[in-house]
C-alpha atoms as a PDB file:
ATOM      1  CA  MET A   1      58.308  71.221 115.862  1.00  0.00           C
ATOM      2  CA  ASP A   2      59.422  72.352 111.898  1.00  0.00           C
ATOM      3  CA  ILE A   3      58.796  76.024 112.824  1.00  0.00           C
ATOM      4  CA  VAL A   4      61.013  75.355 116.348  1.00  0.00           C
ATOM      5  CA  ILE A   5      63.413  73.791 115.592  1.00  0.00           C
ATOM      6  CA  GLY A   6      63.118  77.002 112.009  1.00  0.00           C
ATOM      7  CA  VAL A   7      62.950  79.224 114.853  1.00  0.00           C
ATOM      8  CA  LEU A   8      65.724  77.988 117.277  1.00  0.00           C
ATOM      9  CA  GLY A   9      68.285  77.792 113.751  1.00  0.00           C
ATOM     10  CA  ALA A  10      67.517  81.186 112.869  1.00  0.00           C
ATOM     11  CA  GLY A  11      67.473  82.446 116.526  1.00  0.00           C
ATOM     12  CA  ILE A  12      70.542  80.446 116.767  1.00  0.00           C
ATOM     13  CA  GLY A  13      72.070  81.890 112.958  1.00  0.00           C
ATOM     14  CA  SER A  14      71.396  85.435 113.836  1.00  0.00           C
ATOM     15  CA  GLY A  15      73.426  84.904 117.957  1.00  0.00           C
ATOM     16  CA  LEU A  16      76.654  83.327 115.881  1.00  0.00           C
ATOM     17  CA  MET A  17      76.467  86.137 113.537  1.00  0.00           C
ATOM     18  CA  ALA A  18      76.621  88.619 116.416  1.00  0.00           C
ATOM     19  CA  ILE A  19      79.180  87.554 117.947  1.00  0.00           C
ATOM     20  CA  VAL A  20      81.753  86.843 115.261  1.00  0.00           C
ATOM     21  CA  MET A  21      80.125  91.058 113.827  1.00  0.00           C
ATOM     22  CA  ALA A  22      81.643  91.524 117.661  1.00  0.00           C
ATOM     23  CA  VAL A  23      84.765  89.619 116.917  1.00  0.00           C
ATOM     24  CA  ILE A  24      85.310  90.865 113.745  1.00  0.00           C
ATOM     25  CA  GLN A  25      84.870  94.886 115.321  1.00  0.00           C
ATOM     26  CA  ARG A  26      87.377  94.295 118.082  1.00  0.00           C
ATOM     27  CA  LYS A  27      90.028  93.507 115.888  1.00  0.00           C
ATOM     28  CA  TRP A  28      88.878  96.108 113.811  1.00  0.00           C
ATOM     29  CA  LYS A  29      89.330  98.185 117.133  1.00  0.00           C
ATOM     30  CA  LYS A  30      92.219  96.801 118.200  1.00  0.00           C
ATOM     31  CA  ASP A  31      94.051  97.787 114.567  1.00  0.00           C
ATOM     32  CA  ASP A  32      92.617 100.949 114.325  1.00  0.00           C
ATOM     33  CA  GLN A  33      94.137 101.342 118.121  1.00  0.00           C
ATOM     34  CA  GLN A  34      97.589  99.858 117.045  1.00  0.00           C
ATOM     35  CA  ASN A  35      97.753 101.600 113.575  1.00  0.00           C
ATOM     36  CA  LEU A  36      97.005 105.071 116.176  1.00  0.00           C
ATOM     37  CA  ILE A  37     100.041 103.814 118.122  1.00  0.00           C
ATOM     38  CA  LEU A  38     102.359 103.023 114.739  1.00  0.00           C
ATOM     39  CA  GLU A  39     101.064 106.489 113.482  1.00  0.00           C
ATOM     40  CA  LYS A  40     102.410 107.873 116.906  1.00  0.00           C
ATOM     41  CA  LEU A  41     105.401 105.976 116.916  1.00  0.00           C
ATOM     42  CA  GLU A  42     106.499 107.711 113.750  1.00  0.00           C
ATOM     43  CA  SER A  43     106.003 111.134 114.203  1.00  0.00           C
ATOM     44  CA  ILE A  44     108.116 110.754 117.462  1.00  0.00           C
ATOM     45  CA  SER A  45     110.533 109.697 115.139  1.00  0.00           C
ATOM     46  CA  GLN A  46     110.743 112.081 113.249  1.00  0.00           C
ATOM     47  CA  ARG A  47     110.373 114.960 115.736  1.00  0.00           C
ATOM     48  CA  MET A  48     113.745 112.623 118.018  1.00  0.00           C
ATOM     49  CA  ASP A  49     115.615 112.403 114.445  1.00  0.00           C
ATOM     50  CA  ARG A  50     114.568 116.984 113.970  1.00  0.00           C
ATOM     51  CA  MET A  51     116.826 117.062 116.897  1.00  0.00           C
ATOM     52  CA  GLU A  52     119.921 115.320 116.022  1.00  0.00           C
ATOM     53  CA  ALA A  53     120.124 117.331 113.384  1.00  0.00           C
ATOM     54  CA  GLU A  54     119.438 120.745 115.715  1.00  0.00           C
ATOM     55  CA  ASP A  55     121.531 119.639 118.344  1.00  0.00           C
ATOM     56  CA  ALA A  56     124.139 118.332 115.396  1.00  0.00           C
ATOM     57  CA  GLU A  57     124.086 121.938 113.466  1.00  0.00           C
ATOM     58  CA  ARG A  58     124.179 123.402 117.080  1.00  0.00           C
ATOM     59  CA  GLU A  59     126.906 121.618 117.997  1.00  0.00           C
ATOM     60  CA  ALA A  60     128.875 122.273 114.612  1.00  0.00           C
ATOM     61  CA  LYS A  61     128.318 126.145 115.409  1.00  0.00           C
ATOM     62  CA  HIS A  62     129.945 125.989 118.024  1.00  0.00           C
ATOM     63  CA  SER A  63     133.113 123.463 117.538  1.00  0.00           C
ATOM     64  CA  ARG A  64     133.175 126.501 114.360  1.00  0.00           C
ATOM     65  CA  ILE A  65     133.111 128.876 116.869  1.00  0.00           C
ATOM     66  CA  ARG A  66     136.121 128.360 119.094  1.00  0.00           C
ATOM     67  CA  ILE A  67     137.867 126.571 116.075  1.00  0.00           C
ATOM     68  CA  LEU A  68     138.032 129.888 113.923  1.00  0.00           C
ATOM     69  CA  ARG A  69     138.609 132.023 117.002  1.00  0.00           C
ATOM     70  CA  PHE A  70     141.252 129.633 117.945  1.00  0.00           C
ATOM     71  CA  GLY A  71     143.116 130.757 114.583  1.00  0.00           C
ATOM     72  CA  ASP A  72     142.342 134.424 114.939  1.00  0.00           C
ATOM     73  CA  GLU A  73     144.409 134.357 118.066  1.00  0.00           C
ATOM     74  CA  CYS A  74     147.137 132.440 116.467  1.00  0.00           C
ATOM     75  CA  SER A  75     147.325 134.945 113.499  1.00  0.00           C
ATOM     76  CA  HIS A  76     148.080 137.058 116.137  1.00  0.00           C
ATOM     77  CA  ASP A  77     150.769 135.741 118.391  1.00  0.00           C
ATOM     78  CA  VAL A  78     148.187 134.653 120.937  1.00  0.00           C
ATOM     79  CA  LYS A  79     149.863 131.901 122.814  1.00  0.00           C
ATOM     80  CA  HIS A  80     148.053 128.430 123.756  1.00  0.00           C
ATOM     81  CA  SER A  81     148.977 125.701 125.703  1.00  0.00           C
ATOM     82  CA  ARG A  82     148.821 122.500 124.268  1.00  0.00           C
ATOM     83  CA  GLU A  83     145.698 121.545 126.145  1.00  0.00           C
ATOM     84  CA  HIS A  84     144.059 124.254 124.317  1.00  0.00           C
ATOM     85  CA  PHE A  85     145.655 123.101 120.969  1.00  0.00           C
ATOM     86  CA  GLU A  86     144.209 119.273 121.869  1.00  0.00           C
ATOM     87  CA  GLN A  87     140.560 121.090 122.737  1.00  0.00           C
ATOM     88  CA  VAL A  88     140.881 122.355 119.105  1.00  0.00           C
ATOM     89  CA  ILE A  89     141.765 119.253 117.522  1.00  0.00           C
ATOM     90  CA  GLU A  90     138.585 117.835 119.310  1.00  0.00           C
ATOM     91  CA  ASP A  91     136.259 120.832 118.215  1.00  0.00           C
ATOM     92  CA  VAL A  92     138.116 120.104 114.750  1.00  0.00           C
ATOM     93  CA  ASP A  93     136.593 115.840 115.734  1.00  0.00           C
ATOM     94  CA  ALA A  94     133.792 116.492 116.328  1.00  0.00           C
ATOM     95  CA  TYR A  95     132.426 120.137 113.224  1.00  0.00           C
ATOM     96  CA  GLU A  96     133.425 117.082 111.258  1.00  0.00           C
ATOM     97  CA  SER A  97     131.113 114.515 112.704  1.00  0.00           C
ATOM     98  CA  SER A  98     128.778 116.675 113.394  1.00  0.00           C
ATOM     99  CA  ALA A  99     129.087 118.161 109.682  1.00  0.00           C
ATOM    100  CA  GLN A 100     128.233 114.785 108.851  1.00  0.00           C
ATOM    101  CA  ILE A 101     125.012 114.140 110.399  1.00  0.00           C
ATOM    102  CA  ILE A 102     123.360 117.596 109.280  1.00  0.00           C
ATOM    103  CA  LEU A 103     124.509 116.720 104.881  1.00  0.00           C
ATOM    104  CA  ASN A 104     121.466 115.286 104.772  1.00  0.00           C
ATOM    105  CA  SER A 105     119.769 118.601 105.689  1.00  0.00           C
ATOM    106  CA  LYS A 106     121.468 121.462 105.046  1.00  0.00           C
ATOM    107  CA  THR A 107     124.742 122.374 104.062  1.00  0.00           C
ATOM    108  CA  ILE A 108     127.592 123.425 106.243  1.00  0.00           C
ATOM    109  CA  ARG A 109     129.817 125.920 106.077  1.00  0.00           C
ATOM    110  CA  PRO A 110     133.347 124.797 105.461  1.00  0.00           C
ATOM    111  CA  LEU A 111     136.210 126.440 108.587  1.00  0.00           C
END
């Protein structure tokens, strides 16, 4: 009888141990999946930041080109409409806000 109880006890103990190990392995697998998701999210976030900086730099260059062209036209006595003046002021504002975004990564040339 003691042998039967000992064998059953060992069987139950090893069964419980197997269940505990399965639960632990499932948790580790879940943690690994969560870590993988977090790594991918971080990668996407970095790519988005890089794309935002590139877009800001591109917008700043385009605004700068339009501003310089306007200044050149003014120096050659080209007449401009009120709307054109307003557009250049918007370009200056866009240039300045774009400069703030890319200031951390690169240097932007002054007007």
